Amino acid sequence: KARQLALGDTNDSDDEEEDEEDEEHIAQLHKRSRDEDEEMEEISTTKLFKKNIYKKKNNSNKKKKNIYADQIMYAEYFEMMPSNLFQDWVMMICPVGKRCLVTSGGGQTIARSRRGHLLNRFQSVLPNGSSSNRSSDFCILDCVYDAVHWTFYVLDVMCWRGYPIYDCDTNFRHFWLQTRIGPHEFDRPDYHNQFYKFKPLKPVLTTELAAVVHDPEGYLKQQHDDDYPIDGLLFYHQQARYQGGSTPLVGWVPRDSMSNLSVQ
């Protein structure tokens, strides 16, 4: 699954070319049938017409399937804090931006929306993410893209250098995120990456929730030496495995609701 997502065929014109080949093939069969008697021509044309409709219907159904759709793990709105919040959960201060799935492999880096639509294809310093940095590696990241500062804030890592860690818990994935993507390793433009930066977000202990809620921007600056517009808080259950789609094991509190949190 991970290899298919990172290295899968991303040429959107393939289906169009296949349709053109089908139409050309059918046109040749029509031309050939003109040399036959009228009755056989009518029968053949009817069969070809039905076959063409069937092929186009199948192709249409195939195009609707997108293996990249719903591959990001989404939170459910936290209406009430869980009773085991301080023992079993960890949080992240989420920046304003567009949530996206980022893959590197085959000498390129690709960002896709939550529905799997292509957002951008570019060169990056991620493993096997540029034509000058080709290898057998591939990576899959869960990011928030800040278009103003050309920055991908990395929330989670699902695969790194070909090693999938979907089945690992939150604590392990966050450990890999902090140790594999250093704070300043991928945020300096170079010949691999002329524009885009990748910055790992740091997990915050839920015991720090009161301090975060009191002054989110101040906490971010003082504790993480960072400064970005805050969209809200993401809460991860420490034992949660990474799975696409919505899950109750990830909670969301938007910025304008943080002051309403009951912190004890």
C-alpha atoms as a PDB file:
ATOM      1  CA  LYS A   1       0.000   0.000   0.000  1.00  0.00           C
ATOM      2  CA  ALA A   2       2.690   2.518   1.007  1.00  0.00           C
ATOM      3  CA  ARG A   3       4.791   1.824  -2.098  1.00  0.00           C
ATOM      4  CA  GLN A   4       1.742   2.155  -4.341  1.00  0.00           C
ATOM      5  CA  LEU A   5       0.840   5.521  -2.793  1.00  0.00           C
ATOM      6  CA  ALA A   6       4.367   6.909  -3.055  1.00  0.00           C
ATOM      7  CA  LEU A   7       5.434   5.435  -6.391  1.00  0.00           C
ATOM      8  CA  GLY A   8       2.103   4.871  -8.121  1.00  0.00           C
ATOM      9  CA  ASP A   9       1.504   6.079 -11.679  1.00  0.00           C
ATOM     10  CA  THR A  10       0.576   9.764 -11.503  1.00  0.00           C
ATOM     11  CA  ASN A  11       0.194  10.474 -15.231  1.00  0.00           C
ATOM     12  CA  ASP A  12      -3.348  11.805 -15.542  1.00  0.00           C
ATOM     13  CA  SER A  13      -3.219  11.630 -19.347  1.00  0.00           C
ATOM     14  CA  ASP A  14      -2.990   7.827 -19.433  1.00  0.00           C
ATOM     15  CA  ASP A  15      -6.760   7.318 -19.328  1.00  0.00           C
ATOM     16  CA  GLU A  16      -7.266   9.885 -22.073  1.00  0.00           C
ATOM     17  CA  GLU A  17      -4.696   8.170 -24.289  1.00  0.00           C
ATOM     18  CA  GLU A  18      -6.354   4.823 -23.649  1.00  0.00           C
ATOM     19  CA  ASP A  19      -9.737   6.254 -24.683  1.00  0.00           C
ATOM     20  CA  GLU A  20      -8.214   7.651 -27.881  1.00  0.00           C
ATOM     21  CA  GLU A  21      -6.699   4.256 -28.716  1.00  0.00           C
ATOM     22  CA  ASP A  22     -10.067   2.567 -28.169  1.00  0.00           C
ATOM     23  CA  GLU A  23     -11.817   5.061 -30.444  1.00  0.00           C
ATOM     24  CA  GLU A  24      -9.173   4.655 -33.157  1.00  0.00           C
ATOM     25  CA  HIS A  25      -9.443   0.876 -32.955  1.00  0.00           C
ATOM     26  CA  ILE A  26     -13.225   1.015 -33.259  1.00  0.00           C
ATOM     27  CA  ALA A  27     -12.975   3.414 -36.211  1.00  0.00           C
ATOM     28  CA  GLN A  28     -10.719   0.941 -38.026  1.00  0.00           C
ATOM     29  CA  LEU A  29     -13.189  -1.855 -37.395  1.00  0.00           C
ATOM     30  CA  HIS A  30     -15.993   0.309 -38.784  1.00  0.00           C
ATOM     31  CA  LYS A  31     -13.965   0.977 -41.935  1.00  0.00           C
ATOM     32  CA  ARG A  32     -13.261  -2.711 -42.368  1.00  0.00           C
ATOM     33  CA  SER A  33     -16.940  -3.582 -41.952  1.00  0.00           C
ATOM     34  CA  ARG A  34     -17.942  -1.323 -44.876  1.00  0.00           C
ATOM     35  CA  ASP A  35     -16.492  -3.914 -47.255  1.00  0.00           C
ATOM     36  CA  GLU A  36     -18.887  -6.550 -45.946  1.00  0.00           C
ATOM     37  CA  ASP A  37     -22.479  -6.974 -46.962  1.00  0.00           C
ATOM     38  CA  GLU A  38     -25.064  -4.558 -45.577  1.00  0.00           C
ATOM     39  CA  GLU A  39     -26.656  -6.986 -43.137  1.00  0.00           C
ATOM     40  CA  MET A  40     -23.360  -8.030 -41.546  1.00  0.00           C
ATOM     41  CA  GLU A  41     -22.276  -4.397 -41.369  1.00  0.00           C
ATOM     42  CA  GLU A  42     -25.388  -3.494 -39.406  1.00  0.00           C
ATOM     43  CA  ILE A  43     -24.866  -6.373 -36.973  1.00  0.00           C
ATOM     44  CA  SER A  44     -21.163  -5.570 -36.495  1.00  0.00           C
ATOM     45  CA  THR A  45     -21.826  -1.880 -36.001  1.00  0.00           C
ATOM     46  CA  THR A  46     -24.433  -2.622 -33.349  1.00  0.00           C
ATOM     47  CA  LYS A  47     -22.040  -4.924 -31.507  1.00  0.00           C
ATOM     48  CA  LEU A  48     -19.209  -2.410 -31.727  1.00  0.00           C
ATOM     49  CA  PHE A  49     -21.459   0.377 -30.504  1.00  0.00           C
ATOM     50  CA  LYS A  50     -22.512  -1.666 -27.485  1.00  0.00           C
ATOM     51  CA  LYS A  51     -18.911  -2.687 -26.834  1.00  0.00           C
ATOM     52  CA  ASN A  52     -17.786   0.943 -27.041  1.00  0.00           C
ATOM     53  CA  ILE A  53     -20.453   2.031 -24.561  1.00  0.00           C
ATOM     54  CA  TYR A  54     -19.458  -0.785 -22.199  1.00  0.00           C
ATOM     55  CA  LYS A  55     -15.776   0.180 -22.400  1.00  0.00           C
ATOM     56  CA  LYS A  56     -16.478   3.846 -21.796  1.00  0.00           C
ATOM     57  CA  LYS A  57     -18.715   2.994 -18.846  1.00  0.00           C
ATOM     58  CA  ASN A  58     -15.965   0.853 -17.344  1.00  0.00           C
ATOM     59  CA  ASN A  59     -13.363   3.548 -17.973  1.00  0.00           C
ATOM     60  CA  SER A  60     -15.652   6.102 -16.357  1.00  0.00           C
ATOM     61  CA  ASN A  61     -15.991   3.930 -13.273  1.00  0.00           C
ATOM     62  CA  LYS A  62     -12.235   3.426 -13.119  1.00  0.00           C
ATOM     63  CA  LYS A  63     -11.603   7.159 -13.215  1.00  0.00           C
ATOM     64  CA  LYS A  64     -13.822   7.679 -10.180  1.00  0.00           C
ATOM     65  CA  LYS A  65     -11.543   5.504  -8.053  1.00  0.00           C
ATOM     66  CA  ASN A  66      -8.710   7.481  -6.497  1.00  0.00           C
ATOM     67  CA  ILE A  67      -6.293   5.539  -4.319  1.00  0.00           C
ATOM     68  CA  TYR A  68      -5.102   8.795  -2.748  1.00  0.00           C
ATOM     69  CA  ALA A  69      -8.525   9.852  -1.467  1.00  0.00           C
ATOM     70  CA  ASP A  70      -9.134   9.683   2.303  1.00  0.00           C
ATOM     71  CA  GLN A  71      -5.583   8.598   3.094  1.00  0.00           C
ATOM     72  CA  ILE A  72      -5.206  11.330   5.723  1.00  0.00           C
ATOM     73  CA  MET A  73      -6.334  10.685   9.306  1.00  0.00           C
ATOM     74  CA  TYR A  74      -8.895  13.294  10.341  1.00  0.00           C
ATOM     75  CA  ALA A  75     -10.022  14.352  13.782  1.00  0.00           C
ATOM     76  CA  GLU A  76     -13.470  14.465  15.279  1.00  0.00           C
ATOM     77  CA  TYR A  77     -14.542  17.639  17.049  1.00  0.00           C
ATOM     78  CA  PHE A  78     -13.846  17.465  20.786  1.00  0.00           C
ATOM     79  CA  GLU A  79     -17.073  18.480  22.486  1.00  0.00           C
ATOM     80  CA  MET A  80     -15.851  17.145  25.819  1.00  0.00           C
ATOM     81  CA  MET A  81     -12.350  16.425  27.033  1.00  0.00           C
ATOM     82  CA  PRO A  82     -11.825  12.693  27.713  1.00  0.00           C
ATOM     83  CA  SER A  83     -11.333  11.714  31.343  1.00  0.00           C
ATOM     84  CA  ASN A  84      -7.925  10.192  30.539  1.00  0.00           C
ATOM     85  CA  LEU A  85      -6.711  13.273  28.641  1.00  0.00           C
ATOM     86  CA  PHE A  86      -3.602  13.841  30.771  1.00  0.00           C
ATOM     87  CA  GLN A  87      -2.625  10.167  30.867  1.00  0.00           C
ATOM     88  CA  ASP A  88      -3.261   8.867  27.356  1.00  0.00           C
ATOM     89  CA  TRP A  89      -3.292  11.819  24.970  1.00  0.00           C
ATOM     90  CA  VAL A  90      -0.801  14.184  23.381  1.00  0.00           C
ATOM     91  CA  MET A  91      -1.513  17.364  21.425  1.00  0.00           C
ATOM     92  CA  MET A  92      -0.111  19.473  18.611  1.00  0.00           C
ATOM     93  CA  ILE A  93      -0.547  23.171  17.958  1.00  0.00           C
ATOM     94  CA  CYS A  94      -1.818  23.169  14.388  1.00  0.00           C
ATOM     95  CA  PRO A  95      -0.995  26.028  11.979  1.00  0.00           C
ATOM     96  CA  VAL A  96      -3.398  27.631   9.545  1.00  0.00           C
ATOM     97  CA  GLY A  97      -3.065  26.040   6.113  1.00  0.00           C
ATOM     98  CA  LYS A  98      -4.256  23.325   3.762  1.00  0.00           C
ATOM     99  CA  ARG A  99      -4.132  19.740   4.952  1.00  0.00           C
ATOM    100  CA  CYS A 100      -2.439  17.509   2.397  1.00  0.00           C
ATOM    101  CA  LEU A 101      -0.817  14.161   1.737  1.00  0.00           C
ATOM    102  CA  VAL A 102       2.805  14.537   0.621  1.00  0.00           C
ATOM    103  CA  THR A 103       4.692  11.717  -1.077  1.00  0.00           C
ATOM    104  CA  SER A 104       8.272  11.602  -2.310  1.00  0.00           C
ATOM    105  CA  GLY A 105       9.561   8.961  -4.697  1.00  0.00           C
ATOM    106  CA  GLY A 106      10.669   8.451  -8.272  1.00  0.00           C
ATOM    107  CA  GLY A 107      12.683  11.670  -8.184  1.00  0.00           C
ATOM    108  CA  GLN A 108       9.750  13.962  -7.428  1.00  0.00           C
ATOM    109  CA  THR A 109       7.570  15.204  -4.598  1.00  0.00           C
ATOM    110  CA  ILE A 110       3.776  15.406  -4.859  1.00  0.00           C
ATOM    111  CA  ALA A 111       1.189  17.086  -2.645  1.00  0.00           C
ATOM    112  CA  ARG A 112      -2.444  15.963  -2.820  1.00  0.00           C
ATOM    113  CA  SER A 113      -5.643  17.141  -1.182  1.00  0.00           C
ATOM    114  CA  ARG A 114      -7.686  15.070   1.265  1.00  0.00           C
ATOM    115  CA  ARG A 115      -9.773  13.879  -1.686  1.00  0.00           C
ATOM    116  CA  GLY A 116      -6.667  12.787  -3.542  1.00  0.00           C
ATOM    117  CA  HIS A 117      -6.558  15.597  -6.098  1.00  0.00           C
ATOM    118  CA  LEU A 118      -3.149  16.770  -7.275  1.00  0.00           C
ATOM    119  CA  LEU A 119      -2.154  20.079  -5.673  1.00  0.00           C
ATOM    120  CA  ASN A 120       1.460  20.375  -6.743  1.00  0.00           C
ATOM    121  CA  ARG A 121       4.346  18.393  -8.166  1.00  0.00           C
ATOM    122  CA  PHE A 122       7.786  19.722  -7.280  1.00  0.00           C
ATOM    123  CA  GLN A 123      11.390  18.987  -6.338  1.00  0.00           C
ATOM    124  CA  SER A 124      12.251  18.731  -2.651  1.00  0.00           C
ATOM    125  CA  VAL A 125      15.027  17.663  -0.322  1.00  0.00           C
ATOM    126  CA  LEU A 126      12.948  14.725   0.954  1.00  0.00           C
ATOM    127  CA  PRO A 127      14.451  11.276   0.247  1.00  0.00           C
ATOM    128  CA  ASN A 128      14.046  10.502  -3.480  1.00  0.00           C
ATOM    129  CA  GLY A 129      12.087  13.730  -3.799  1.00  0.00           C
ATOM    130  CA  SER A 130      14.111  15.311  -6.603  1.00  0.00           C
ATOM    131  CA  SER A 131      15.669  14.276  -9.901  1.00  0.00           C
ATOM    132  CA  SER A 132      19.158  14.929  -8.514  1.00  0.00           C
ATOM    133  CA  ASN A 133      18.460  12.897  -5.385  1.00  0.00           C
ATOM    134  CA  ARG A 134      17.055   9.695  -6.879  1.00  0.00           C
ATOM    135  CA  SER A 135      17.153   6.437  -4.956  1.00  0.00           C
ATOM    136  CA  SER A 136      14.899   3.501  -4.114  1.00  0.00           C
ATOM    137  CA  ASP A 137      13.501   5.347  -1.088  1.00  0.00           C
ATOM    138  CA  PHE A 138      10.016   6.805  -0.737  1.00  0.00           C
ATOM    139  CA  CYS A 139       8.186   8.754   1.969  1.00  0.00           C
ATOM    140  CA  ILE A 140       4.589   9.551   2.936  1.00  0.00           C
ATOM    141  CA  LEU A 141       3.811  12.511   5.180  1.00  0.00           C
ATOM    142  CA  ASP A 142       0.707  14.129   6.661  1.00  0.00           C
ATOM    143  CA  CYS A 143       1.196  17.882   6.347  1.00  0.00           C
ATOM    144  CA  VAL A 144      -0.370  21.311   6.636  1.00  0.00           C
ATOM    145  CA  TYR A 145       0.749  23.593   3.813  1.00  0.00           C
ATOM    146  CA  ASP A 146       1.263  27.292   4.504  1.00  0.00           C
ATOM    147  CA  ALA A 147       1.163  28.878   1.045  1.00  0.00           C
ATOM    148  CA  VAL A 148       2.265  32.292   2.343  1.00  0.00           C
ATOM    149  CA  HIS A 149       5.621  31.008   3.572  1.00  0.00           C
ATOM    150  CA  TRP A 150       5.956  28.020   1.197  1.00  0.00           C
ATOM    151  CA  THR A 151       6.164  25.738   4.213  1.00  0.00           C
ATOM    152  CA  PHE A 152       4.904  22.206   4.796  1.00  0.00           C
ATOM    153  CA  TYR A 153       4.351  21.666   8.511  1.00  0.00           C
ATOM    154  CA  VAL A 154       4.610  17.926   9.117  1.00  0.00           C
ATOM    155  CA  LEU A 155       1.961  16.561  11.490  1.00  0.00           C
ATOM    156  CA  ASP A 156       2.681  12.879  11.059  1.00  0.00           C
ATOM    157  CA  VAL A 157       4.891  10.435   9.193  1.00  0.00           C
ATOM    158  CA  MET A 158       3.421   7.224   7.752  1.00  0.00           C
ATOM    159  CA  CYS A 159       6.411   6.016   5.761  1.00  0.00           C
ATOM    160  CA  TRP A 160      10.075   7.037   5.795  1.00  0.00           C
ATOM    161  CA  ARG A 161      12.735   5.812   3.375  1.00  0.00           C
ATOM    162  CA  GLY A 162      10.537   2.898   2.379  1.00  0.00           C
ATOM    163  CA  TYR A 163       9.670   1.807   5.925  1.00  0.00           C
ATOM    164  CA  PRO A 164       5.891   2.022   6.538  1.00  0.00           C
ATOM    165  CA  ILE A 165       4.895   2.774  10.136  1.00  0.00           C
ATOM    166  CA  TYR A 166       1.108   2.977   9.784  1.00  0.00           C
ATOM    167  CA  ASP A 167       0.725   0.228  12.389  1.00  0.00           C
ATOM    168  CA  CYS A 168       2.961   1.948  14.919  1.00  0.00           C
ATOM    169  CA  ASP A 169       1.362   3.998  17.682  1.00  0.00           C
ATOM    170  CA  THR A 170       1.331   7.780  17.952  1.00  0.00           C
ATOM    171  CA  ASN A 171       4.303   7.954  20.319  1.00  0.00           C
ATOM    172  CA  PHE A 172       6.540   6.008  17.958  1.00  0.00           C
ATOM    173  CA  ARG A 173       5.458   7.964  14.861  1.00  0.00           C
ATOM    174  CA  HIS A 174       6.065  11.261  16.649  1.00  0.00           C
ATOM    175  CA  PHE A 175       9.462   9.982  17.769  1.00  0.00           C
ATOM    176  CA  TRP A 176      10.349   9.202  14.161  1.00  0.00           C
ATOM    177  CA  LEU A 177       9.030  12.572  13.077  1.00  0.00           C
ATOM    178  CA  GLN A 178      11.371  14.374  15.457  1.00  0.00           C
ATOM    179  CA  THR A 179      14.421  12.170  14.822  1.00  0.00           C
ATOM    180  CA  ARG A 180      14.143  11.663  11.056  1.00  0.00           C
ATOM    181  CA  ILE A 181      13.209  15.226  10.136  1.00  0.00           C
ATOM    182  CA  GLY A 182      15.442  17.546  12.135  1.00  0.00           C
ATOM    183  CA  PRO A 183      14.190  21.027  13.086  1.00  0.00           C
ATOM    184  CA  HIS A 184      16.364  22.694  10.461  1.00  0.00           C
ATOM    185  CA  GLU A 185      17.307  19.790   8.201  1.00  0.00           C
ATOM    186  CA  PHE A 186      14.716  20.410   5.475  1.00  0.00           C
ATOM    187  CA  ASP A 187      13.875  24.090   5.906  1.00  0.00           C
ATOM    188  CA  ARG A 188      16.842  25.579   4.039  1.00  0.00           C
ATOM    189  CA  PRO A 189      16.542  25.956   0.260  1.00  0.00           C
ATOM    190  CA  ASP A 190      19.318  24.244  -1.712  1.00  0.00           C
ATOM    191  CA  TYR A 191      19.825  22.781  -5.192  1.00  0.00           C
ATOM    192  CA  HIS A 192      17.287  20.049  -4.358  1.00  0.00           C
ATOM    193  CA  ASN A 193      14.684  22.392  -2.953  1.00  0.00           C
ATOM    194  CA  GLN A 194      14.584  25.957  -4.210  1.00  0.00           C
ATOM    195  CA  PHE A 195      11.345  27.056  -2.573  1.00  0.00           C
ATOM    196  CA  TYR A 196       9.600  24.648  -0.215  1.00  0.00           C
ATOM    197  CA  LYS A 197      10.441  24.033   3.418  1.00  0.00           C
ATOM    198  CA  PHE A 198       9.464  21.090   5.614  1.00  0.00           C
ATOM    199  CA  LYS A 199       9.165  21.677   9.347  1.00  0.00           C
ATOM    200  CA  PRO A 200       8.142  18.963  11.833  1.00  0.00           C
ATOM    201  CA  LEU A 201       5.583  20.061  14.409  1.00  0.00           C
ATOM    202  CA  LYS A 202       6.457  19.221  17.997  1.00  0.00           C
ATOM    203  CA  PRO A 203       4.057  17.222  20.169  1.00  0.00           C
ATOM    204  CA  VAL A 204       2.989  18.885  23.408  1.00  0.00           C
ATOM    205  CA  LEU A 205       2.150  17.057  26.630  1.00  0.00           C
ATOM    206  CA  THR A 206      -1.493  17.509  27.577  1.00  0.00           C
ATOM    207  CA  THR A 207      -0.346  18.504  31.072  1.00  0.00           C
ATOM    208  CA  GLU A 208       0.703  21.748  29.362  1.00  0.00           C
ATOM    209  CA  LEU A 209      -2.848  22.417  28.156  1.00  0.00           C
ATOM    210  CA  ALA A 210      -3.548  25.204  30.671  1.00  0.00           C
ATOM    211  CA  ALA A 211      -0.443  27.123  29.586  1.00  0.00           C
ATOM    212  CA  VAL A 212      -1.258  26.630  25.907  1.00  0.00           C
ATOM    213  CA  VAL A 213      -4.874  27.755  26.295  1.00  0.00           C
ATOM    214  CA  HIS A 214      -3.827  30.814  28.322  1.00  0.00           C
ATOM    215  CA  ASP A 215      -1.526  32.153  25.588  1.00  0.00           C
ATOM    216  CA  PRO A 216      -1.163  29.861  22.536  1.00  0.00           C
ATOM    217  CA  GLU A 217       1.049  32.204  20.519  1.00  0.00           C
ATOM    218  CA  GLY A 218       3.232  32.996  23.523  1.00  0.00           C
ATOM    219  CA  TYR A 219       3.648  29.315  24.367  1.00  0.00           C
ATOM    220  CA  LEU A 220       4.576  28.527  20.775  1.00  0.00           C
ATOM    221  CA  LYS A 221       7.215  31.248  20.751  1.00  0.00           C
ATOM    222  CA  GLN A 222       8.718  30.541  24.160  1.00  0.00           C
ATOM    223  CA  GLN A 223       8.638  26.750  24.189  1.00  0.00           C
ATOM    224  CA  HIS A 224       9.061  25.884  20.499  1.00  0.00           C
ATOM    225  CA  ASP A 225      10.831  28.991  19.226  1.00  0.00           C
ATOM    226  CA  ASP A 226       8.269  29.171  16.442  1.00  0.00           C
ATOM    227  CA  ASP A 227       5.740  31.649  15.172  1.00  0.00           C
ATOM    228  CA  TYR A 228       2.832  30.819  12.871  1.00  0.00           C
ATOM    229  CA  PRO A 229      -0.915  31.562  12.740  1.00  0.00           C
ATOM    230  CA  ILE A 230      -2.679  28.973  14.908  1.00  0.00           C
ATOM    231  CA  ASP A 231      -5.691  27.129  13.525  1.00  0.00           C
ATOM    232  CA  GLY A 232      -6.382  25.013  16.608  1.00  0.00           C
ATOM    233  CA  LEU A 233      -5.293  22.041  18.683  1.00  0.00           C
ATOM    234  CA  LEU A 234      -5.083  18.431  17.545  1.00  0.00           C
ATOM    235  CA  PHE A 235      -5.260  15.753  20.243  1.00  0.00           C
ATOM    236  CA  TYR A 236      -3.872  12.283  19.489  1.00  0.00           C
ATOM    237  CA  HIS A 237      -4.448   9.175  21.561  1.00  0.00           C
ATOM    238  CA  GLN A 238      -0.986   7.831  22.295  1.00  0.00           C
ATOM    239  CA  GLN A 239      -1.887   4.284  21.228  1.00  0.00           C
ATOM    240  CA  ALA A 240      -3.628   5.254  17.984  1.00  0.00           C
ATOM    241  CA  ARG A 241      -2.436   3.646  14.752  1.00  0.00           C
ATOM    242  CA  TYR A 242      -2.515   5.730  11.597  1.00  0.00           C
ATOM    243  CA  GLN A 243      -5.606   5.108   9.486  1.00  0.00           C
ATOM    244  CA  GLY A 244      -7.201   7.150   6.745  1.00  0.00           C
ATOM    245  CA  GLY A 245     -10.505   8.902   7.350  1.00  0.00           C
ATOM    246  CA  SER A 246     -12.181  10.266  10.461  1.00  0.00           C
ATOM    247  CA  THR A 247     -11.386   8.675  13.820  1.00  0.00           C
ATOM    248  CA  PRO A 248     -12.376   9.355  17.454  1.00  0.00           C
ATOM    249  CA  LEU A 249      -8.748   8.715  18.416  1.00  0.00           C
ATOM    250  CA  VAL A 250      -7.863  12.183  17.122  1.00  0.00           C
ATOM    251  CA  GLY A 251      -9.683  15.218  18.514  1.00  0.00           C
ATOM    252  CA  TRP A 252      -9.910  18.778  17.232  1.00  0.00           C
ATOM    253  CA  VAL A 253     -10.477  22.086  19.030  1.00  0.00           C
ATOM    254  CA  PRO A 254     -10.416  25.214  16.805  1.00  0.00           C
ATOM    255  CA  ARG A 255      -8.568  28.362  17.863  1.00  0.00           C
ATOM    256  CA  ASP A 256     -11.703  30.342  18.696  1.00  0.00           C
ATOM    257  CA  SER A 257     -12.954  27.568  21.018  1.00  0.00           C
ATOM    258  CA  MET A 258      -9.753  27.036  22.980  1.00  0.00           C
ATOM    259  CA  SER A 259     -10.708  29.574  25.640  1.00  0.00           C
ATOM    260  CA  ASN A 260     -13.833  27.524  26.399  1.00  0.00           C
ATOM    261  CA  LEU A 261     -11.858  24.431  27.358  1.00  0.00           C
ATOM    262  CA  SER A 262     -12.322  23.307  30.918  1.00  0.00           C
ATOM    263  CA  VAL A 263      -8.796  22.676  32.168  1.00  0.00           C
ATOM    264  CA  GLN A 264      -8.365  21.157  35.617  1.00  0.00           C
END
